[in-house]
Amino acid sequence: MKADQQETADIPKDQENAAEAAETAQAEEQDPAEENVKEAEAVQPDTQEGEEKKEKFSKRKEKKEKRDKKDEKIEELSDQVKRQMAEFDNYRKRTEKEKSHMYEIGAKEVIEKMLPVVDNFERGLASVPETERDDPFVEGMNKIYKQLMTTLDEIGVKPIEAVGGEFDPNLHNAVMHVEDEAFGDNIVAEEFQKGYLYKESVVRHSMVKVAN
């Protein structure tokens, strides 16, 4: 009887030990899973932070690229404006030069048509005898001639210096050559028709005789 009772008493202890062993095994089986969960939870914040950093970096890079493109566009437009302003300035200068040139051509044509009148005044006054130079009519013509020459001088018309100077094909038109020891070589000895300049531009060449 005592043996049976002992066996009966030992059975619960074995069952209790077995239950504890099962719980321990179950706990050991569950630990890796719990550790994986904890590890995943520990890694997840780092992964999210990395994604956030990556996203921020991408946004900064995108903004920088947009800013660079904007700066390039601004620089391109600025260059275009500068070129257009330079072209307009060149056009303005060229137009003013052309207008000035056209005005000069028109003025030279008018002056050229007036020069025969000046020539006739000079011939007429030169032909007046000394005894008649005090005549009121002659004095009147002389005053008109001087007024005409003063007006021409004020607008830039000046006679070309010829007699006694060196022959210049840009200013003089040689219609005769003469051997004269009184003059040096290639010197204008006589002027047949007076030449004129308009603002450094020849309106009419002087017709001269040149000494060889």
N, C-alpha and C. Protein backbone atom coordinates (compact mmCIF):
# COMPACT_ATOMS: atom_id res chain seq x y z
N MET A 1 0.82 -1.20 0.00
CA MET A 1 0.00 0.00 0.00
C MET A 1 0.86 1.25 0.00
N LYS A 2 1.87 1.21 0.77
CA LYS A 2 2.76 2.36 0.85
C LYS A 2 3.46 2.60 -0.46
N ALA A 3 3.79 1.53 -1.11
CA ALA A 3 4.45 1.68 -2.43
C ALA A 3 3.52 2.30 -3.42
N ASP A 4 2.24 1.84 -3.34
CA ASP A 4 1.27 2.42 -4.29
C ASP A 4 1.07 3.89 -4.01
N GLN A 5 1.00 4.20 -2.73
CA GLN A 5 0.81 5.61 -2.38
C GLN A 5 2.00 6.45 -2.84
N GLN A 6 3.22 5.84 -2.70
CA GLN A 6 4.41 6.58 -3.14
C GLN A 6 4.37 6.84 -4.62
N GLU A 7 3.98 5.86 -5.36
CA GLU A 7 3.88 6.02 -6.82
C GLU A 7 2.85 7.07 -7.16
N THR A 8 1.73 6.95 -6.39
CA THR A 8 0.67 7.92 -6.64
C THR A 8 1.14 9.32 -6.33
N ALA A 9 1.96 9.47 -5.31
CA ALA A 9 2.47 10.80 -4.95
C ALA A 9 3.50 11.28 -5.92
N ASP A 10 4.28 10.32 -6.51
CA ASP A 10 5.33 10.73 -7.45
C ASP A 10 4.79 11.15 -8.79
N ILE A 11 3.67 10.65 -9.17
CA ILE A 11 3.11 10.96 -10.50
C ILE A 11 2.83 12.44 -10.65
N PRO A 12 2.18 13.07 -9.71
CA PRO A 12 1.94 14.51 -9.86
C PRO A 12 3.22 15.28 -9.98
N LYS A 13 4.26 14.88 -9.23
CA LYS A 13 5.53 15.59 -9.33
C LYS A 13 6.12 15.46 -10.72
N ASP A 14 6.04 14.27 -11.28
CA ASP A 14 6.57 14.08 -12.65
C ASP A 14 5.78 14.91 -13.64
N GLN A 15 4.45 14.89 -13.43
CA GLN A 15 3.63 15.70 -14.33
C GLN A 15 3.96 17.16 -14.19
N GLU A 16 4.20 17.58 -12.95
CA GLU A 16 4.53 19.00 -12.71
C GLU A 16 5.84 19.35 -13.37
N ASN A 17 6.82 18.41 -13.24
CA ASN A 17 8.13 18.67 -13.88
C ASN A 17 8.00 18.70 -15.39
N ALA A 18 7.18 17.80 -15.89
CA ALA A 18 6.97 17.76 -17.34
C ALA A 18 6.31 19.03 -17.84
N ALA A 19 5.36 19.54 -17.07
CA ALA A 19 4.67 20.78 -17.46
C ALA A 19 5.63 21.94 -17.46
N GLU A 20 6.51 21.98 -16.45
CA GLU A 20 7.49 23.06 -16.40
C GLU A 20 8.46 22.99 -17.57
N ALA A 21 8.86 21.75 -17.90
CA ALA A 21 9.78 21.58 -19.04
C ALA A 21 9.12 22.02 -20.34
N ALA A 22 7.82 21.68 -20.45
CA ALA A 22 7.11 22.09 -21.68
C ALA A 22 7.01 23.60 -21.78
N GLU A 23 6.71 24.24 -20.63
CA GLU A 23 6.62 25.71 -20.63
C GLU A 23 7.96 26.34 -20.97
N THR A 24 9.05 25.72 -20.41
CA THR A 24 10.39 26.26 -20.70
C THR A 24 10.73 26.14 -22.18
N ALA A 25 10.38 24.96 -22.73
CA ALA A 25 10.64 24.76 -24.18
C ALA A 25 9.84 25.72 -25.02
N GLN A 26 8.57 25.90 -24.59
CA GLN A 26 7.72 26.84 -25.34
C GLN A 26 8.26 28.25 -25.26
N ALA A 27 8.75 28.59 -24.07
CA ALA A 27 9.32 29.94 -23.91
C ALA A 27 10.54 30.12 -24.76
N GLU A 28 11.37 29.03 -24.80
CA GLU A 28 12.58 29.12 -25.62
C GLU A 28 12.24 29.23 -27.10
N GLU A 29 11.15 28.51 -27.50
CA GLU A 29 10.73 28.60 -28.90
C GLU A 29 10.20 29.98 -29.23
N GLN A 30 9.58 30.64 -28.29
CA GLN A 30 8.99 31.95 -28.56
C GLN A 30 10.02 33.08 -28.50
N ASP A 31 11.14 32.89 -27.82
CA ASP A 31 12.13 33.95 -27.65
C ASP A 31 12.71 34.45 -28.97
N PRO A 32 13.13 33.57 -29.90
CA PRO A 32 13.67 34.09 -31.17
C PRO A 32 12.68 34.96 -31.92
N ALA A 33 11.42 34.58 -31.90
CA ALA A 33 10.41 35.39 -32.59
C ALA A 33 10.30 36.75 -31.96
N GLU A 34 10.28 36.73 -30.63
CA GLU A 34 10.18 38.03 -29.93
C GLU A 34 11.41 38.88 -30.20
N GLU A 35 12.58 38.21 -30.25
CA GLU A 35 13.80 38.98 -30.56
C GLU A 35 13.76 39.55 -31.96
N ASN A 36 13.25 38.75 -32.92
CA ASN A 36 13.12 39.26 -34.30
C ASN A 36 12.20 40.46 -34.36
N VAL A 37 11.10 40.35 -33.58
CA VAL A 37 10.15 41.47 -33.56
C VAL A 37 10.82 42.71 -32.99
N LYS A 38 11.55 42.52 -31.89
CA LYS A 38 12.24 43.65 -31.28
C LYS A 38 13.30 44.21 -32.21
N GLU A 39 14.00 43.29 -32.90
CA GLU A 39 15.05 43.75 -33.84
C GLU A 39 14.44 44.52 -35.00
N ALA A 40 13.29 43.99 -35.48
CA ALA A 40 12.61 44.69 -36.57
C ALA A 40 12.15 46.06 -36.12
N GLU A 41 11.63 46.09 -34.87
CA GLU A 41 11.19 47.39 -34.34
C GLU A 41 12.36 48.33 -34.17
N ALA A 42 13.53 47.73 -33.81
CA ALA A 42 14.73 48.58 -33.64
C ALA A 42 15.26 49.06 -34.97
N VAL A 43 15.18 48.23 -36.00
CA VAL A 43 15.70 48.58 -37.32
C VAL A 43 14.76 49.52 -38.06
N GLN A 44 13.47 49.38 -37.82
CA GLN A 44 12.48 50.15 -38.57
C GLN A 44 12.66 51.66 -38.44
N PRO A 45 12.94 52.14 -37.21
CA PRO A 45 13.16 53.59 -37.12
C PRO A 45 14.35 54.06 -37.96
N ASP A 46 15.44 53.24 -37.97
CA ASP A 46 16.60 53.61 -38.77
C ASP A 46 16.26 53.63 -40.25
N THR A 47 15.48 52.64 -40.69
CA THR A 47 15.08 52.58 -42.11
C THR A 47 14.22 53.77 -42.47
N GLN A 48 13.28 54.15 -41.68
CA GLN A 48 12.42 55.31 -41.93
C GLN A 48 13.23 56.59 -41.96
N GLU A 49 14.18 56.68 -41.01
CA GLU A 49 15.02 57.88 -40.98
C GLU A 49 15.87 57.98 -42.23
N GLY A 50 16.38 56.83 -42.70
CA GLY A 50 17.16 56.82 -43.94
C GLY A 50 16.33 57.23 -45.13
N GLU A 51 15.09 56.73 -45.16
CA GLU A 51 14.19 57.11 -46.25
C GLU A 51 13.90 58.60 -46.21
N GLU A 52 13.71 59.12 -45.01
CA GLU A 52 13.44 60.56 -44.88
C GLU A 52 14.65 61.38 -45.33
N LYS A 53 15.84 60.93 -44.93
CA LYS A 53 17.04 61.63 -45.35
C LYS A 53 17.21 61.57 -46.87
N LYS A 54 16.94 60.38 -47.40
CA LYS A 54 17.05 60.21 -48.85
C LYS A 54 16.07 61.11 -49.58
N GLU A 55 14.84 61.18 -49.04
CA GLU A 55 13.82 62.03 -49.66
C GLU A 55 14.20 63.51 -49.57
N LYS A 56 14.72 63.91 -48.39
CA LYS A 56 15.17 65.30 -48.24
C LYS A 56 16.31 65.61 -49.19
N PHE A 57 17.25 64.69 -49.33
CA PHE A 57 18.38 64.89 -50.25
C PHE A 57 17.90 65.02 -51.69
N SER A 58 16.91 64.17 -52.03
CA SER A 58 16.36 64.24 -53.40
C SER A 58 15.69 65.58 -53.64
N LYS A 59 14.95 66.06 -52.62
CA LYS A 59 14.28 67.34 -52.77
C LYS A 59 15.29 68.48 -52.91
N ARG A 60 16.36 68.42 -52.06
CA ARG A 60 17.39 69.46 -52.16
C ARG A 60 18.07 69.43 -53.53
N LYS A 61 18.35 68.23 -54.01
CA LYS A 61 18.97 68.08 -55.31
C LYS A 61 18.07 68.62 -56.41
N GLU A 62 16.77 68.30 -56.29
CA GLU A 62 15.81 68.78 -57.29
C GLU A 62 15.71 70.30 -57.27
N LYS A 63 15.69 70.89 -56.04
CA LYS A 63 15.64 72.35 -55.94
C LYS A 63 16.90 72.99 -56.51
N LYS A 64 18.05 72.36 -56.25
CA LYS A 64 19.31 72.89 -56.78
C LYS A 64 19.32 72.85 -58.29
N GLU A 65 18.84 71.73 -58.85
CA GLU A 65 18.79 71.61 -60.31
C GLU A 65 17.86 72.66 -60.90
N LYS A 66 16.70 72.87 -60.24
CA LYS A 66 15.77 73.89 -60.73
C LYS A 66 16.40 75.28 -60.63
N ARG A 67 17.11 75.53 -59.51
CA ARG A 67 17.76 76.83 -59.33
C ARG A 67 18.85 77.04 -60.38
N ASP A 68 19.63 75.98 -60.65
CA ASP A 68 20.68 76.08 -61.67
C ASP A 68 20.07 76.35 -63.04
N LYS A 69 19.00 75.65 -63.36
CA LYS A 69 18.34 75.87 -64.65
C LYS A 69 17.78 77.28 -64.74
N LYS A 70 17.23 77.76 -63.61
CA LYS A 70 16.69 79.12 -63.59
C LYS A 70 17.79 80.15 -63.79
N ASP A 71 18.93 79.94 -63.12
CA ASP A 71 20.07 80.85 -63.27
C ASP A 71 20.59 80.84 -64.71
N GLU A 72 20.65 79.64 -65.29
CA GLU A 72 21.09 79.54 -66.69
C GLU A 72 20.13 80.28 -67.62
N LYS A 73 18.83 80.15 -67.36
CA LYS A 73 17.84 80.83 -68.19
C LYS A 73 17.95 82.34 -68.04
N ILE A 74 18.14 82.80 -66.79
CA ILE A 74 18.30 84.24 -66.54
C ILE A 74 19.53 84.77 -67.26
N GLU A 75 20.63 84.02 -67.18
CA GLU A 75 21.86 84.43 -67.84
C GLU A 75 21.68 84.46 -69.36
N GLU A 76 20.97 83.47 -69.88
CA GLU A 76 20.72 83.42 -71.33
C GLU A 76 19.88 84.61 -71.78
N LEU A 77 18.83 84.91 -71.02
CA LEU A 77 17.97 86.05 -71.36
C LEU A 77 18.72 87.37 -71.22
N SER A 78 19.58 87.46 -70.20
CA SER A 78 20.38 88.68 -70.03
C SER A 78 21.31 88.88 -71.21
N ASP A 79 21.93 87.80 -71.68
CA ASP A 79 22.81 87.90 -72.85
C ASP A 79 22.02 88.33 -74.08
N GLN A 80 20.82 87.79 -74.24
CA GLN A 80 20.00 88.18 -75.39
C GLN A 80 19.64 89.66 -75.34
N VAL A 81 19.30 90.14 -74.14
CA VAL A 81 18.95 91.57 -73.99
C VAL A 81 20.16 92.44 -74.31
N LYS A 82 21.35 92.03 -73.81
CA LYS A 82 22.56 92.81 -74.07
C LYS A 82 22.88 92.84 -75.56
N ARG A 83 22.73 91.68 -76.23
CA ARG A 83 23.00 91.65 -77.67
C ARG A 83 22.01 92.53 -78.44
N GLN A 84 20.74 92.46 -78.04
CA GLN A 84 19.73 93.28 -78.72
C GLN A 84 19.98 94.76 -78.50
N MET A 85 20.38 95.12 -77.27
CA MET A 85 20.70 96.52 -76.99
C MET A 85 21.90 96.98 -77.80
N ALA A 86 22.91 96.11 -77.92
CA ALA A 86 24.09 96.46 -78.71
C ALA A 86 23.73 96.59 -80.19
N GLU A 87 22.89 95.68 -80.68
CA GLU A 87 22.46 95.76 -82.08
C GLU A 87 21.65 97.03 -82.32
N PHE A 88 20.77 97.36 -81.36
CA PHE A 88 19.97 98.58 -81.52
C PHE A 88 20.86 99.82 -81.50
N ASP A 89 21.87 99.83 -80.62
CA ASP A 89 22.79 100.96 -80.54
C ASP A 89 23.57 101.10 -81.85
N ASN A 90 24.03 99.96 -82.40
CA ASN A 90 24.73 100.01 -83.69
C ASN A 90 23.81 100.49 -84.80
N TYR A 91 22.55 100.02 -84.75
CA TYR A 91 21.57 100.47 -85.76
C TYR A 91 21.33 101.97 -85.65
N ARG A 92 21.21 102.46 -84.41
CA ARG A 92 20.99 103.91 -84.21
C ARG A 92 22.16 104.72 -84.74
N LYS A 93 23.39 104.27 -84.41
CA LYS A 93 24.57 104.98 -84.89
C LYS A 93 24.66 104.94 -86.41
N ARG A 94 24.36 103.76 -86.97
CA ARG A 94 24.43 103.63 -88.43
C ARG A 94 23.38 104.51 -89.10
N THR A 95 22.18 104.57 -88.50
CA THR A 95 21.11 105.41 -89.06
C THR A 95 21.48 106.88 -88.99
N GLU A 96 22.03 107.29 -87.84
CA GLU A 96 22.45 108.69 -87.70
C GLU A 96 23.56 109.03 -88.70
N LYS A 97 24.48 108.09 -88.90
CA LYS A 97 25.56 108.33 -89.85
C LYS A 97 25.02 108.44 -91.26
N GLU A 98 24.05 107.56 -91.59
CA GLU A 98 23.45 107.61 -92.93
C GLU A 98 22.67 108.91 -93.12
N LYS A 99 21.95 109.34 -92.09
CA LYS A 99 21.21 110.60 -92.19
C LYS A 99 22.16 111.76 -92.37
N SER A 100 23.26 111.74 -91.58
CA SER A 100 24.25 112.79 -91.70
C SER A 100 24.89 112.79 -93.08
N HIS A 101 25.15 111.58 -93.58
CA HIS A 101 25.76 111.48 -94.92
C HIS A 101 24.80 111.99 -95.99
N MET A 102 23.52 111.62 -95.85
CA MET A 102 22.51 112.10 -96.82
C MET A 102 22.39 113.62 -96.76
N TYR A 103 22.42 114.17 -95.53
CA TYR A 103 22.35 115.63 -95.39
C TYR A 103 23.57 116.28 -96.04
N GLU A 104 24.73 115.67 -95.82
CA GLU A 104 25.96 116.22 -96.41
C GLU A 104 25.90 116.19 -97.93
N ILE A 105 25.38 115.09 -98.48
CA ILE A 105 25.27 114.98 -99.94
C ILE A 105 24.34 116.06 -100.47
N GLY A 106 23.19 116.24 -99.78
CA GLY A 106 22.24 117.27 -100.22
C GLY A 106 22.83 118.67 -100.13
N ALA A 107 23.55 118.93 -99.03
CA ALA A 107 24.17 120.25 -98.86
C ALA A 107 25.22 120.50 -99.94
N LYS A 108 26.03 119.47 -100.23
CA LYS A 108 27.07 119.62 -101.26
C LYS A 108 26.45 119.91 -102.62
N GLU A 109 25.32 119.29 -102.92
CA GLU A 109 24.66 119.55 -104.20
C GLU A 109 24.18 121.00 -104.29
N VAL A 110 23.62 121.51 -103.18
CA VAL A 110 23.15 122.89 -103.18
C VAL A 110 24.33 123.86 -103.31
N ILE A 111 25.40 123.59 -102.55
CA ILE A 111 26.59 124.45 -102.60
C ILE A 111 27.21 124.44 -103.98
N GLU A 112 27.28 123.25 -104.58
CA GLU A 112 27.87 123.14 -105.92
C GLU A 112 27.11 123.98 -106.94
N LYS A 113 25.79 124.07 -106.77
CA LYS A 113 24.99 124.87 -107.68
C LYS A 113 25.15 126.38 -107.41
N MET A 114 25.54 126.71 -106.19
CA MET A 114 25.74 128.12 -105.85
C MET A 114 27.11 128.64 -106.28
N LEU A 115 28.08 127.76 -106.45
CA LEU A 115 29.44 128.20 -106.76
C LEU A 115 29.55 128.98 -108.07
N PRO A 116 28.82 128.64 -109.12
CA PRO A 116 28.90 129.47 -110.34
C PRO A 116 28.46 130.91 -110.09
N VAL A 117 27.50 131.10 -109.16
CA VAL A 117 27.07 132.46 -108.81
C VAL A 117 28.22 133.20 -108.15
N VAL A 118 28.94 132.50 -107.26
CA VAL A 118 30.11 133.10 -106.60
C VAL A 118 31.16 133.46 -107.65
N ASP A 119 31.38 132.55 -108.61
CA ASP A 119 32.37 132.81 -109.67
C ASP A 119 32.00 134.06 -110.46
N ASN A 120 30.74 134.20 -110.78
CA ASN A 120 30.31 135.37 -111.57
C ASN A 120 30.47 136.66 -110.78
N PHE A 121 30.18 136.60 -109.48
CA PHE A 121 30.42 137.77 -108.64
C PHE A 121 31.88 138.17 -108.70
N GLU A 122 32.78 137.19 -108.53
CA GLU A 122 34.21 137.48 -108.52
C GLU A 122 34.68 138.02 -109.87
N ARG A 123 34.21 137.43 -110.96
CA ARG A 123 34.61 137.92 -112.30
C ARG A 123 34.10 139.35 -112.53
N GLY A 124 32.85 139.56 -112.13
CA GLY A 124 32.28 140.90 -112.33
C GLY A 124 33.01 141.95 -111.52
N LEU A 125 33.31 141.66 -110.26
CA LEU A 125 34.02 142.63 -109.42
C LEU A 125 35.46 142.82 -109.88
N ALA A 126 36.07 141.74 -110.37
CA ALA A 126 37.45 141.85 -110.84
C ALA A 126 37.56 142.70 -112.11
N SER A 127 36.49 142.75 -112.89
CA SER A 127 36.53 143.49 -114.16
C SER A 127 36.22 144.98 -113.99
N VAL A 128 35.86 145.40 -112.80
CA VAL A 128 35.54 146.81 -112.57
C VAL A 128 36.83 147.62 -112.54
N PRO A 129 36.93 148.69 -113.31
CA PRO A 129 38.14 149.53 -113.29
C PRO A 129 38.32 150.19 -111.92
N GLU A 130 39.55 150.53 -111.62
CA GLU A 130 39.86 151.16 -110.34
C GLU A 130 39.09 152.46 -110.15
N THR A 131 38.86 153.17 -111.24
CA THR A 131 38.19 154.48 -111.15
C THR A 131 36.71 154.35 -110.79
N GLU A 132 36.17 153.15 -110.99
CA GLU A 132 34.73 152.99 -110.75
C GLU A 132 34.44 152.18 -109.47
N ARG A 133 35.46 151.87 -108.73
CA ARG A 133 35.25 151.03 -107.54
C ARG A 133 34.49 151.77 -106.44
N ASP A 134 34.50 153.08 -106.48
CA ASP A 134 33.77 153.84 -105.48
C ASP A 134 32.32 154.07 -105.88
N ASP A 135 31.94 153.52 -107.03
CA ASP A 135 30.56 153.68 -107.48
C ASP A 135 29.62 152.95 -106.50
N PRO A 136 28.49 153.59 -106.12
CA PRO A 136 27.56 152.96 -105.16
C PRO A 136 27.08 151.57 -105.59
N PHE A 137 26.85 151.42 -106.92
CA PHE A 137 26.39 150.13 -107.40
C PHE A 137 27.46 149.05 -107.18
N VAL A 138 28.67 149.40 -107.51
CA VAL A 138 29.78 148.45 -107.34
C VAL A 138 29.97 148.12 -105.85
N GLU A 139 29.88 149.12 -105.01
CA GLU A 139 30.02 148.90 -103.58
C GLU A 139 28.89 147.99 -103.06
N GLY A 140 27.70 148.20 -103.63
CA GLY A 140 26.56 147.35 -103.23
C GLY A 140 26.80 145.89 -103.62
N MET A 141 27.30 145.65 -104.86
CA MET A 141 27.59 144.30 -105.31
C MET A 141 28.70 143.66 -104.46
N ASN A 142 29.67 144.46 -104.10
CA ASN A 142 30.77 143.96 -103.29
C ASN A 142 30.28 143.53 -101.89
N LYS A 143 29.37 144.31 -101.32
CA LYS A 143 28.81 143.98 -100.02
C LYS A 143 27.98 142.68 -100.09
N ILE A 144 27.22 142.53 -101.16
CA ILE A 144 26.43 141.30 -101.34
C ILE A 144 27.35 140.08 -101.46
N TYR A 145 28.43 140.27 -102.22
CA TYR A 145 29.40 139.18 -102.39
C TYR A 145 30.02 138.79 -101.05
N LYS A 146 30.42 139.78 -100.26
CA LYS A 146 31.02 139.49 -98.95
C LYS A 146 30.01 138.81 -98.02
N GLN A 147 28.76 139.22 -98.09
CA GLN A 147 27.73 138.59 -97.26
C GLN A 147 27.53 137.13 -97.67
N LEU A 148 27.54 136.89 -98.97
CA LEU A 148 27.39 135.52 -99.47
C LEU A 148 28.55 134.63 -99.01
N MET A 149 29.76 135.17 -99.12
CA MET A 149 30.94 134.39 -98.70
C MET A 149 30.95 134.14 -97.18
N THR A 150 30.47 135.12 -96.40
CA THR A 150 30.39 134.94 -94.95
C THR A 150 29.38 133.85 -94.59
N THR A 151 28.26 133.86 -95.32
CA THR A 151 27.24 132.83 -95.07
C THR A 151 27.77 131.44 -95.40
N LEU A 152 28.46 131.31 -96.52
CA LEU A 152 29.04 130.02 -96.90
C LEU A 152 30.08 129.55 -95.87
N ASP A 153 30.86 130.51 -95.38
CA ASP A 153 31.88 130.16 -94.39
C ASP A 153 31.23 129.67 -93.08
N GLU A 154 30.11 130.28 -92.71
CA GLU A 154 29.43 129.88 -91.48
C GLU A 154 28.86 128.47 -91.56
N ILE A 155 28.49 128.01 -92.73
CA ILE A 155 27.95 126.65 -92.85
C ILE A 155 29.04 125.62 -93.16
N GLY A 156 30.31 126.08 -93.21
CA GLY A 156 31.41 125.14 -93.38
C GLY A 156 32.03 125.09 -94.76
N VAL A 157 31.70 126.06 -95.62
CA VAL A 157 32.28 126.10 -96.97
C VAL A 157 33.50 127.01 -96.96
N LYS A 158 34.63 126.46 -97.41
CA LYS A 158 35.88 127.23 -97.41
C LYS A 158 36.61 127.02 -98.73
N PRO A 159 37.27 128.07 -99.24
CA PRO A 159 38.04 127.92 -100.49
C PRO A 159 39.30 127.10 -100.26
N ILE A 160 39.71 126.38 -101.29
CA ILE A 160 40.92 125.57 -101.24
C ILE A 160 42.13 126.44 -101.55
N GLU A 161 43.14 126.36 -100.69
CA GLU A 161 44.38 127.10 -100.94
C GLU A 161 45.13 126.42 -102.09
N ALA A 162 45.56 127.21 -103.07
CA ALA A 162 46.19 126.59 -104.24
C ALA A 162 47.51 127.25 -104.61
N VAL A 163 47.49 128.50 -105.05
CA VAL A 163 48.68 129.15 -105.60
C VAL A 163 49.80 129.22 -104.56
N GLY A 164 50.98 128.74 -104.97
CA GLY A 164 52.15 128.76 -104.10
C GLY A 164 52.28 127.52 -103.24
N GLY A 165 51.24 126.67 -103.22
CA GLY A 165 51.31 125.44 -102.44
C GLY A 165 51.64 124.24 -103.31
N GLU A 166 51.95 123.13 -102.66
CA GLU A 166 52.30 121.92 -103.41
C GLU A 166 51.04 121.30 -104.02
N PHE A 167 51.20 120.81 -105.22
CA PHE A 167 50.06 120.20 -105.92
C PHE A 167 49.59 118.95 -105.16
N ASP A 168 48.28 118.89 -104.94
CA ASP A 168 47.66 117.75 -104.26
C ASP A 168 46.52 117.24 -105.14
N PRO A 169 46.67 116.06 -105.71
CA PRO A 169 45.62 115.54 -106.59
C PRO A 169 44.27 115.36 -105.90
N ASN A 170 44.26 115.30 -104.56
CA ASN A 170 43.00 115.18 -103.84
C ASN A 170 42.23 116.50 -103.79
N LEU A 171 42.96 117.61 -104.01
CA LEU A 171 42.35 118.94 -103.93
C LEU A 171 42.39 119.70 -105.25
N HIS A 172 43.40 119.40 -106.07
CA HIS A 172 43.63 120.19 -107.28
C HIS A 172 43.45 119.33 -108.54
N ASN A 173 43.03 120.02 -109.57
CA ASN A 173 42.90 119.39 -110.89
C ASN A 173 43.84 120.12 -111.85
N ALA A 174 44.96 119.45 -112.19
CA ALA A 174 45.98 120.10 -113.04
C ALA A 174 45.53 120.06 -114.50
N VAL A 175 45.31 121.25 -115.07
CA VAL A 175 44.90 121.35 -116.48
C VAL A 175 46.03 121.87 -117.36
N MET A 176 47.14 122.26 -116.72
CA MET A 176 48.27 122.80 -117.50
C MET A 176 49.55 122.66 -116.67
N HIS A 177 50.67 122.43 -117.39
CA HIS A 177 51.99 122.39 -116.76
C HIS A 177 52.86 123.46 -117.42
N VAL A 178 53.78 124.03 -116.64
CA VAL A 178 54.61 125.11 -117.14
C VAL A 178 56.01 124.98 -116.56
N GLU A 179 56.98 125.35 -117.37
CA GLU A 179 58.36 125.41 -116.88
C GLU A 179 58.61 126.81 -116.34
N ASP A 180 58.79 126.91 -115.05
CA ASP A 180 58.98 128.22 -114.44
C ASP A 180 59.95 128.06 -113.28
N GLU A 181 61.10 128.73 -113.41
CA GLU A 181 62.13 128.64 -112.37
C GLU A 181 61.74 129.39 -111.10
N ALA A 182 60.76 130.26 -111.24
CA ALA A 182 60.32 131.02 -110.06
C ALA A 182 59.59 130.12 -109.05
N PHE A 183 59.08 129.01 -109.51
CA PHE A 183 58.38 128.07 -108.65
C PHE A 183 59.19 126.78 -108.54
N GLY A 184 59.01 126.09 -107.46
CA GLY A 184 59.68 124.81 -107.30
C GLY A 184 58.95 123.73 -108.08
N ASP A 185 59.51 122.53 -108.00
CA ASP A 185 58.91 121.41 -108.71
C ASP A 185 57.59 121.00 -108.04
N ASN A 186 56.58 120.79 -108.87
CA ASN A 186 55.26 120.33 -108.43
C ASN A 186 54.54 121.36 -107.55
N ILE A 187 54.76 122.64 -107.87
CA ILE A 187 54.11 123.73 -107.14
C ILE A 187 53.05 124.36 -108.04
N VAL A 188 51.91 124.73 -107.44
CA VAL A 188 50.82 125.36 -108.19
C VAL A 188 51.23 126.78 -108.53
N ALA A 189 51.30 127.06 -109.82
CA ALA A 189 51.74 128.38 -110.29
C ALA A 189 50.57 129.34 -110.51
N GLU A 190 49.42 128.79 -110.88
CA GLU A 190 48.28 129.67 -111.18
C GLU A 190 46.98 128.90 -110.96
N GLU A 191 45.94 129.65 -110.61
CA GLU A 191 44.63 129.03 -110.38
C GLU A 191 43.64 129.62 -111.38
N PHE A 192 42.99 128.70 -112.15
CA PHE A 192 42.01 129.15 -113.16
C PHE A 192 40.59 129.18 -112.59
N GLN A 193 40.31 128.26 -111.72
CA GLN A 193 38.98 128.23 -111.08
C GLN A 193 39.16 127.80 -109.61
N LYS A 194 38.56 128.57 -108.74
CA LYS A 194 38.74 128.29 -107.30
C LYS A 194 37.96 127.05 -106.89
N GLY A 195 38.62 126.24 -106.06
CA GLY A 195 37.96 125.06 -105.51
C GLY A 195 37.45 125.31 -104.11
N TYR A 196 36.51 124.46 -103.66
CA TYR A 196 35.90 124.66 -102.34
C TYR A 196 35.76 123.33 -101.59
N LEU A 197 35.83 123.45 -100.26
CA LEU A 197 35.61 122.33 -99.35
C LEU A 197 34.33 122.57 -98.56
N TYR A 198 33.63 121.47 -98.28
CA TYR A 198 32.49 121.54 -97.36
C TYR A 198 32.75 120.54 -96.24
N LYS A 199 33.13 121.06 -95.06
CA LYS A 199 33.43 120.22 -93.90
C LYS A 199 34.46 119.14 -94.26
N GLU A 200 35.58 119.57 -94.75
CA GLU A 200 36.71 118.70 -95.10
C GLU A 200 36.43 117.79 -96.29
N SER A 201 35.30 117.97 -96.95
CA SER A 201 34.98 117.17 -98.13
C SER A 201 35.00 118.09 -99.36
N VAL A 202 35.61 117.63 -100.43
CA VAL A 202 35.77 118.46 -101.63
C VAL A 202 34.43 118.60 -102.35
N VAL A 203 34.02 119.85 -102.54
CA VAL A 203 32.82 120.13 -103.34
C VAL A 203 33.21 120.33 -104.80
N ARG A 204 34.30 121.03 -104.97
CA ARG A 204 34.82 121.28 -106.34
C ARG A 204 36.34 121.41 -106.26
N HIS A 205 37.05 120.68 -107.13
CA HIS A 205 38.50 120.74 -107.18
C HIS A 205 38.95 122.06 -107.82
N SER A 206 40.10 122.54 -107.40
CA SER A 206 40.67 123.74 -108.01
C SER A 206 41.28 123.38 -109.36
N MET A 207 41.01 124.20 -110.37
CA MET A 207 41.64 124.02 -111.69
C MET A 207 42.91 124.87 -111.71
N VAL A 208 44.06 124.21 -111.83
CA VAL A 208 45.32 124.91 -111.63
C VAL A 208 46.33 124.60 -112.73
N LYS A 209 47.37 125.45 -112.74
CA LYS A 209 48.54 125.25 -113.60
C LYS A 209 49.70 124.89 -112.66
N VAL A 210 50.40 123.82 -112.98
CA VAL A 210 51.46 123.29 -112.11
C VAL A 210 52.81 123.50 -112.75
N ALA A 211 53.76 123.94 -111.94
CA ALA A 211 55.14 124.12 -112.43
C ALA A 211 55.90 122.81 -112.30
N ASN A 212 56.68 122.49 -113.35
CA ASN A 212 57.49 121.26 -113.32
C ASN A 212 58.89 121.55 -112.76
